[in-house]
Amino acid sequence: MNTISTVTTAKFITQSRGRMIAYWTITVLLAISITLSGIGQLMRYGGNVELVTHIGFPLYITKILGTWKLLGVLAILAPGLPRLKEWAHAGIFFLMTGAALSHVFANDYGDSGFHVILPLTYAALNIASWALRPKSRRL
């Protein structure tokens, strides 16, 4: 009976470790991506000015979106605060799907659909991070 218990425990630990590695890999990738995007918007670096003005948004939106992105990353990475993490994941999801739809409605797909594919990729990373989060980061 002890052998079965040990084997079962070993499988559980292995599965948990794999899930934890997947969670942190995806979450760090998401955090880096959203952080770089947020900094780019706050600094109005690269094509961020043209990206928002081309679809009809006012330029000040870059400051708002950049700030929200950085605050969302901080909330997701910070220990504790499970309710805040839920809101941060929801916010990032709505931000990214809203960005993709804004480009679609403005007929601004970018090269090979880049302006739609990139935010949807971030939304997918966000969903994966949320789904894989450990119990300590859940409500």
N, C-alpha and C. Protein backbone atom coordinates (compact mmCIF):
# COMPACT_ATOMS: atom_id res chain seq x y z
N MET A 1 0.82 -1.19 0.00
CA MET A 1 0.00 0.00 0.00
C MET A 1 0.86 1.26 0.00
N ASN A 2 1.97 1.22 0.71
CA ASN A 2 2.86 2.37 0.73
C ASN A 2 3.45 2.64 -0.65
N THR A 3 3.74 1.58 -1.41
CA THR A 3 4.30 1.74 -2.74
C THR A 3 3.31 2.46 -3.66
N ILE A 4 2.06 2.07 -3.61
CA ILE A 4 1.03 2.73 -4.42
C ILE A 4 0.93 4.18 -4.02
N SER A 5 0.94 4.44 -2.75
CA SER A 5 0.86 5.81 -2.24
C SER A 5 2.04 6.64 -2.73
N THR A 6 3.24 6.07 -2.70
CA THR A 6 4.44 6.78 -3.14
C THR A 6 4.38 7.06 -4.64
N VAL A 7 3.96 6.09 -5.42
CA VAL A 7 3.85 6.26 -6.86
C VAL A 7 2.81 7.33 -7.18
N THR A 8 1.66 7.27 -6.52
CA THR A 8 0.62 8.25 -6.75
C THR A 8 1.11 9.65 -6.37
N THR A 9 1.79 9.76 -5.26
CA THR A 9 2.33 11.04 -4.83
C THR A 9 3.37 11.54 -5.83
N ALA A 10 4.23 10.66 -6.31
CA ALA A 10 5.24 11.06 -7.28
C ALA A 10 4.60 11.58 -8.57
N LYS A 11 3.56 10.93 -9.04
CA LYS A 11 2.87 11.39 -10.24
C LYS A 11 2.25 12.76 -10.01
N PHE A 12 1.64 12.94 -8.85
CA PHE A 12 1.01 14.21 -8.53
C PHE A 12 2.03 15.34 -8.51
N ILE A 13 3.18 15.09 -7.88
CA ILE A 13 4.24 16.10 -7.79
C ILE A 13 4.78 16.41 -9.18
N THR A 14 4.99 15.40 -10.01
CA THR A 14 5.49 15.61 -11.36
C THR A 14 4.50 16.43 -12.18
N GLN A 15 3.23 16.10 -12.11
CA GLN A 15 2.23 16.85 -12.85
C GLN A 15 2.16 18.29 -12.36
N SER A 16 2.22 18.50 -11.08
CA SER A 16 2.18 19.84 -10.52
C SER A 16 3.40 20.64 -10.96
N ARG A 17 4.57 20.01 -10.95
CA ARG A 17 5.80 20.69 -11.34
C ARG A 17 5.73 21.09 -12.82
N GLY A 18 5.25 20.19 -13.67
CA GLY A 18 5.11 20.49 -15.09
C GLY A 18 4.13 21.63 -15.32
N ARG A 19 3.03 21.59 -14.60
CA ARG A 19 2.03 22.66 -14.73
C ARG A 19 2.61 23.99 -14.24
N MET A 20 3.38 23.94 -13.16
CA MET A 20 3.98 25.15 -12.61
C MET A 20 5.00 25.74 -13.60
N ILE A 21 5.79 24.89 -14.22
CA ILE A 21 6.77 25.34 -15.22
C ILE A 21 6.04 25.97 -16.41
N ALA A 22 4.98 25.32 -16.87
CA ALA A 22 4.19 25.87 -17.98
C ALA A 22 3.58 27.21 -17.60
N TYR A 23 3.04 27.29 -16.39
CA TYR A 23 2.43 28.54 -15.92
C TYR A 23 3.44 29.68 -15.93
N TRP A 24 4.59 29.46 -15.31
CA TRP A 24 5.57 30.54 -15.21
C TRP A 24 6.20 30.88 -16.55
N THR A 25 6.40 29.90 -17.41
CA THR A 25 6.94 30.17 -18.75
C THR A 25 5.98 31.07 -19.52
N ILE A 26 4.72 30.71 -19.55
CA ILE A 26 3.73 31.49 -20.28
C ILE A 26 3.51 32.85 -19.62
N THR A 27 3.45 32.88 -18.31
CA THR A 27 3.20 34.13 -17.60
C THR A 27 4.35 35.11 -17.78
N VAL A 28 5.59 34.62 -17.72
CA VAL A 28 6.74 35.51 -17.93
C VAL A 28 6.77 36.01 -19.37
N LEU A 29 6.47 35.14 -20.32
CA LEU A 29 6.40 35.56 -21.73
C LEU A 29 5.32 36.63 -21.91
N LEU A 30 4.16 36.42 -21.31
CA LEU A 30 3.08 37.40 -21.36
C LEU A 30 3.53 38.71 -20.71
N ALA A 31 4.13 38.61 -19.53
CA ALA A 31 4.56 39.82 -18.81
C ALA A 31 5.58 40.62 -19.60
N ILE A 32 6.55 39.95 -20.19
CA ILE A 32 7.56 40.64 -20.99
C ILE A 32 6.90 41.32 -22.20
N SER A 33 6.04 40.60 -22.88
CA SER A 33 5.37 41.14 -24.07
C SER A 33 4.52 42.36 -23.73
N ILE A 34 3.71 42.24 -22.71
CA ILE A 34 2.81 43.34 -22.34
C ILE A 34 3.62 44.52 -21.78
N THR A 35 4.67 44.24 -21.03
CA THR A 35 5.52 45.30 -20.50
C THR A 35 6.17 46.09 -21.63
N LEU A 36 6.76 45.39 -22.59
CA LEU A 36 7.40 46.08 -23.72
C LEU A 36 6.38 46.89 -24.51
N SER A 37 5.20 46.33 -24.70
CA SER A 37 4.13 47.05 -25.40
C SER A 37 3.72 48.30 -24.62
N GLY A 38 3.55 48.15 -23.32
CA GLY A 38 3.15 49.28 -22.48
C GLY A 38 4.20 50.38 -22.45
N ILE A 39 5.46 50.01 -22.33
CA ILE A 39 6.54 51.00 -22.35
C ILE A 39 6.59 51.70 -23.69
N GLY A 40 6.45 50.93 -24.76
CA GLY A 40 6.44 51.52 -26.10
C GLY A 40 5.32 52.53 -26.26
N GLN A 41 4.15 52.24 -25.70
CA GLN A 41 3.05 53.19 -25.78
C GLN A 41 3.28 54.41 -24.91
N LEU A 42 3.78 54.21 -23.70
CA LEU A 42 4.04 55.35 -22.82
C LEU A 42 5.10 56.28 -23.41
N MET A 43 6.11 55.71 -24.05
CA MET A 43 7.18 56.51 -24.65
C MET A 43 6.84 56.94 -26.08
N ARG A 44 5.73 56.42 -26.59
CA ARG A 44 5.32 56.67 -27.98
C ARG A 44 6.46 56.31 -28.93
N TYR A 45 7.01 55.14 -28.65
CA TYR A 45 8.18 54.64 -29.37
C TYR A 45 7.75 53.85 -30.60
N GLY A 46 8.59 53.87 -31.60
CA GLY A 46 8.35 53.07 -32.80
C GLY A 46 7.09 53.50 -33.51
N GLY A 47 6.31 52.57 -33.92
CA GLY A 47 5.09 52.86 -34.67
C GLY A 47 3.86 53.06 -33.82
N ASN A 48 4.02 53.24 -32.52
CA ASN A 48 2.86 53.36 -31.64
C ASN A 48 1.99 54.57 -31.96
N VAL A 49 2.59 55.68 -32.36
CA VAL A 49 1.81 56.87 -32.70
C VAL A 49 0.95 56.59 -33.93
N GLU A 50 1.58 56.08 -34.98
CA GLU A 50 0.84 55.79 -36.21
C GLU A 50 -0.18 54.68 -35.99
N LEU A 51 0.16 53.73 -35.15
CA LEU A 51 -0.72 52.59 -34.91
C LEU A 51 -2.07 53.04 -34.35
N VAL A 52 -2.08 53.97 -33.41
CA VAL A 52 -3.34 54.40 -32.81
C VAL A 52 -4.02 55.50 -33.61
N THR A 53 -3.25 56.43 -34.18
CA THR A 53 -3.88 57.51 -34.93
C THR A 53 -4.44 57.02 -36.26
N HIS A 54 -3.84 56.02 -36.84
CA HIS A 54 -4.32 55.49 -38.12
C HIS A 54 -5.72 54.88 -38.00
N ILE A 55 -6.04 54.36 -36.84
CA ILE A 55 -7.38 53.78 -36.67
C ILE A 55 -8.35 54.76 -36.01
N GLY A 56 -7.91 56.01 -35.85
CA GLY A 56 -8.82 57.06 -35.40
C GLY A 56 -8.83 57.35 -33.92
N PHE A 57 -7.94 56.76 -33.15
CA PHE A 57 -7.88 57.05 -31.72
C PHE A 57 -7.05 58.30 -31.47
N PRO A 58 -7.38 59.06 -30.42
CA PRO A 58 -6.55 60.22 -30.09
C PRO A 58 -5.20 59.75 -29.52
N LEU A 59 -4.20 60.58 -29.68
CA LEU A 59 -2.85 60.20 -29.27
C LEU A 59 -2.73 59.96 -27.77
N TYR A 60 -3.53 60.66 -26.96
CA TYR A 60 -3.42 60.47 -25.52
C TYR A 60 -3.79 59.05 -25.06
N ILE A 61 -4.44 58.29 -25.91
CA ILE A 61 -4.82 56.91 -25.54
C ILE A 61 -3.58 56.06 -25.27
N THR A 62 -2.44 56.42 -25.87
CA THR A 62 -1.22 55.64 -25.64
C THR A 62 -0.80 55.70 -24.17
N LYS A 63 -0.98 56.84 -23.54
CA LYS A 63 -0.62 56.96 -22.11
C LYS A 63 -1.54 56.11 -21.25
N ILE A 64 -2.82 56.12 -21.57
CA ILE A 64 -3.80 55.34 -20.80
C ILE A 64 -3.53 53.85 -20.97
N LEU A 65 -3.42 53.40 -22.22
CA LEU A 65 -3.21 51.97 -22.48
C LEU A 65 -1.88 51.48 -21.91
N GLY A 66 -0.82 52.28 -22.09
CA GLY A 66 0.49 51.90 -21.56
C GLY A 66 0.47 51.76 -20.04
N THR A 67 -0.20 52.68 -19.37
CA THR A 67 -0.31 52.62 -17.90
C THR A 67 -1.09 51.39 -17.47
N TRP A 68 -2.22 51.14 -18.12
CA TRP A 68 -3.03 49.96 -17.78
C TRP A 68 -2.24 48.67 -17.98
N LYS A 69 -1.49 48.60 -19.05
CA LYS A 69 -0.71 47.38 -19.32
C LYS A 69 0.32 47.14 -18.22
N LEU A 70 1.05 48.18 -17.84
CA LEU A 70 2.08 48.00 -16.81
C LEU A 70 1.46 47.65 -15.46
N LEU A 71 0.35 48.28 -15.12
CA LEU A 71 -0.32 47.95 -13.86
C LEU A 71 -0.86 46.51 -13.89
N GLY A 72 -1.36 46.07 -15.04
CA GLY A 72 -1.84 44.69 -15.18
C GLY A 72 -0.73 43.68 -14.99
N VAL A 73 0.43 43.95 -15.56
CA VAL A 73 1.59 43.06 -15.40
C VAL A 73 2.00 42.99 -13.93
N LEU A 74 2.05 44.14 -13.26
CA LEU A 74 2.41 44.15 -11.84
C LEU A 74 1.43 43.31 -11.02
N ALA A 75 0.14 43.44 -11.32
CA ALA A 75 -0.87 42.69 -10.58
C ALA A 75 -0.74 41.19 -10.81
N ILE A 76 -0.45 40.80 -12.04
CA ILE A 76 -0.34 39.37 -12.35
C ILE A 76 0.90 38.75 -11.70
N LEU A 77 1.99 39.50 -11.65
CA LEU A 77 3.23 38.95 -11.10
C LEU A 77 3.34 39.05 -9.58
N ALA A 78 2.62 39.97 -8.98
CA ALA A 78 2.72 40.18 -7.53
C ALA A 78 2.18 38.97 -6.78
N PRO A 79 2.77 38.65 -5.63
CA PRO A 79 2.23 37.55 -4.82
C PRO A 79 0.93 37.97 -4.15
N GLY A 80 0.07 36.98 -3.91
CA GLY A 80 -1.21 37.26 -3.25
C GLY A 80 -2.18 37.98 -4.18
N LEU A 81 -3.15 38.65 -3.60
CA LEU A 81 -4.12 39.47 -4.30
C LEU A 81 -4.86 38.73 -5.43
N PRO A 82 -5.47 37.58 -5.14
CA PRO A 82 -6.10 36.80 -6.20
C PRO A 82 -7.23 37.53 -6.93
N ARG A 83 -8.00 38.35 -6.24
CA ARG A 83 -9.09 39.07 -6.91
C ARG A 83 -8.52 40.10 -7.89
N LEU A 84 -7.47 40.78 -7.49
CA LEU A 84 -6.81 41.75 -8.37
C LEU A 84 -6.24 41.05 -9.60
N LYS A 85 -5.70 39.85 -9.42
CA LYS A 85 -5.18 39.07 -10.55
C LYS A 85 -6.31 38.73 -11.54
N GLU A 86 -7.47 38.35 -11.01
CA GLU A 86 -8.61 38.06 -11.88
C GLU A 86 -8.97 39.27 -12.72
N TRP A 87 -9.01 40.43 -12.10
CA TRP A 87 -9.34 41.66 -12.82
C TRP A 87 -8.24 42.00 -13.83
N ALA A 88 -7.00 41.79 -13.46
CA ALA A 88 -5.90 42.09 -14.37
C ALA A 88 -5.96 41.19 -15.61
N HIS A 89 -6.21 39.90 -15.40
CA HIS A 89 -6.34 38.98 -16.54
C HIS A 89 -7.52 39.39 -17.42
N ALA A 90 -8.64 39.74 -16.81
CA ALA A 90 -9.80 40.17 -17.58
C ALA A 90 -9.48 41.45 -18.35
N GLY A 91 -8.80 42.38 -17.70
CA GLY A 91 -8.43 43.64 -18.35
C GLY A 91 -7.52 43.43 -19.54
N ILE A 92 -6.52 42.58 -19.38
CA ILE A 92 -5.61 42.30 -20.49
C ILE A 92 -6.36 41.62 -21.63
N PHE A 93 -7.26 40.71 -21.31
CA PHE A 93 -8.04 40.05 -22.35
C PHE A 93 -8.87 41.06 -23.13
N PHE A 94 -9.59 41.94 -22.43
CA PHE A 94 -10.42 42.93 -23.11
C PHE A 94 -9.57 43.95 -23.87
N LEU A 95 -8.43 44.31 -23.31
CA LEU A 95 -7.53 45.23 -23.99
C LEU A 95 -7.02 44.65 -25.30
N MET A 96 -6.60 43.39 -25.27
CA MET A 96 -6.03 42.77 -26.46
C MET A 96 -7.08 42.44 -27.52
N THR A 97 -8.22 41.91 -27.09
CA THR A 97 -9.26 41.62 -28.08
C THR A 97 -9.85 42.92 -28.62
N GLY A 98 -9.92 43.94 -27.78
CA GLY A 98 -10.39 45.25 -28.24
C GLY A 98 -9.44 45.85 -29.27
N ALA A 99 -8.14 45.67 -29.05
CA ALA A 99 -7.15 46.17 -30.02
C ALA A 99 -7.31 45.46 -31.35
N ALA A 100 -7.44 44.15 -31.31
CA ALA A 100 -7.60 43.37 -32.55
C ALA A 100 -8.87 43.81 -33.29
N LEU A 101 -9.96 43.92 -32.58
CA LEU A 101 -11.22 44.33 -33.22
C LEU A 101 -11.16 45.76 -33.74
N SER A 102 -10.49 46.65 -33.02
CA SER A 102 -10.35 48.03 -33.49
C SER A 102 -9.64 48.07 -34.84
N HIS A 103 -8.61 47.26 -34.98
CA HIS A 103 -7.90 47.21 -36.26
C HIS A 103 -8.75 46.58 -37.35
N VAL A 104 -9.53 45.58 -37.00
CA VAL A 104 -10.41 44.95 -37.99
C VAL A 104 -11.45 45.96 -38.47
N PHE A 105 -12.11 46.64 -37.53
CA PHE A 105 -13.16 47.59 -37.90
C PHE A 105 -12.61 48.77 -38.69
N ALA A 106 -11.34 49.11 -38.50
CA ALA A 106 -10.71 50.21 -39.23
C ALA A 106 -10.06 49.71 -40.53
N ASN A 107 -10.23 48.43 -40.84
CA ASN A 107 -9.57 47.82 -42.01
C ASN A 107 -8.07 48.05 -42.01
N ASP A 108 -7.46 47.96 -40.84
CA ASP A 108 -6.03 48.16 -40.68
C ASP A 108 -5.43 46.85 -40.17
N TYR A 109 -5.21 45.93 -41.08
CA TYR A 109 -4.74 44.61 -40.70
C TYR A 109 -3.22 44.53 -40.55
N GLY A 110 -2.50 45.48 -41.14
CA GLY A 110 -1.05 45.43 -41.11
C GLY A 110 -0.54 44.36 -42.06
N ASP A 111 0.77 44.23 -42.12
CA ASP A 111 1.39 43.22 -42.98
C ASP A 111 0.99 41.83 -42.52
N SER A 112 0.38 41.07 -43.41
CA SER A 112 -0.05 39.69 -43.14
C SER A 112 -0.95 39.57 -41.92
N GLY A 113 -1.71 40.62 -41.62
CA GLY A 113 -2.64 40.57 -40.50
C GLY A 113 -1.99 40.79 -39.14
N PHE A 114 -0.77 41.32 -39.13
CA PHE A 114 0.01 41.48 -37.90
C PHE A 114 -0.74 42.27 -36.82
N HIS A 115 -1.47 43.33 -37.20
CA HIS A 115 -2.16 44.17 -36.22
C HIS A 115 -3.33 43.45 -35.55
N VAL A 116 -3.73 42.33 -36.12
CA VAL A 116 -4.80 41.53 -35.52
C VAL A 116 -4.21 40.30 -34.83
N ILE A 117 -3.26 39.67 -35.48
CA ILE A 117 -2.67 38.43 -34.95
C ILE A 117 -1.90 38.67 -33.65
N LEU A 118 -1.12 39.75 -33.58
CA LEU A 118 -0.31 39.98 -32.38
C LEU A 118 -1.16 40.17 -31.12
N PRO A 119 -2.15 41.07 -31.13
CA PRO A 119 -2.95 41.18 -29.90
C PRO A 119 -3.74 39.91 -29.56
N LEU A 120 -4.17 39.17 -30.58
CA LEU A 120 -4.86 37.91 -30.30
C LEU A 120 -3.91 36.86 -29.72
N THR A 121 -2.65 36.92 -30.12
CA THR A 121 -1.63 36.04 -29.53
C THR A 121 -1.44 36.38 -28.06
N TYR A 122 -1.37 37.68 -27.76
CA TYR A 122 -1.26 38.10 -26.36
C TYR A 122 -2.49 37.68 -25.56
N ALA A 123 -3.67 37.78 -26.16
CA ALA A 123 -4.90 37.35 -25.49
C ALA A 123 -4.85 35.85 -25.20
N ALA A 124 -4.33 35.07 -26.16
CA ALA A 124 -4.22 33.61 -25.96
C ALA A 124 -3.22 33.29 -24.85
N LEU A 125 -2.08 33.99 -24.82
CA LEU A 125 -1.11 33.81 -23.72
C LEU A 125 -1.76 34.13 -22.39
N ASN A 126 -2.55 35.20 -22.37
CA ASN A 126 -3.24 35.61 -21.16
C ASN A 126 -4.21 34.53 -20.68
N ILE A 127 -4.97 33.96 -21.60
CA ILE A 127 -5.92 32.89 -21.24
C ILE A 127 -5.15 31.68 -20.70
N ALA A 128 -4.05 31.33 -21.36
CA ALA A 128 -3.25 30.18 -20.90
C ALA A 128 -2.67 30.43 -19.51
N SER A 129 -2.17 31.63 -19.28
CA SER A 129 -1.62 31.98 -17.96
C SER A 129 -2.71 31.87 -16.90
N TRP A 130 -3.87 32.40 -17.20
CA TRP A 130 -4.99 32.35 -16.25
C TRP A 130 -5.41 30.90 -15.98
N ALA A 131 -5.50 30.10 -17.03
CA ALA A 131 -5.97 28.72 -16.87
C ALA A 131 -4.97 27.85 -16.11
N LEU A 132 -3.69 28.14 -16.24
CA LEU A 132 -2.65 27.33 -15.59
C LEU A 132 -2.26 27.83 -14.20
N ARG A 133 -2.82 28.94 -13.77
CA ARG A 133 -2.39 29.54 -12.50
C ARG A 133 -2.56 28.55 -11.34
N PRO A 134 -1.62 28.59 -10.40
CA PRO A 134 -1.71 27.66 -9.26
C PRO A 134 -2.84 28.06 -8.32
N LYS A 135 -3.20 27.15 -7.44
CA LYS A 135 -4.30 27.39 -6.49
C LYS A 135 -4.04 28.62 -5.64
N SER A 136 -2.79 28.92 -5.34
CA SER A 136 -2.48 30.08 -4.50
C SER A 136 -2.80 31.40 -5.19
N ARG A 137 -3.03 31.36 -6.51
CA ARG A 137 -3.33 32.57 -7.26
C ARG A 137 -4.79 32.60 -7.73
N ARG A 138 -5.60 31.74 -7.14
CA ARG A 138 -7.02 31.67 -7.49
C ARG A 138 -7.87 32.22 -6.37
N LEU A 139 -9.08 32.58 -6.72
CA LEU A 139 -10.03 33.06 -5.69
C LEU A 139 -10.49 31.92 -4.83
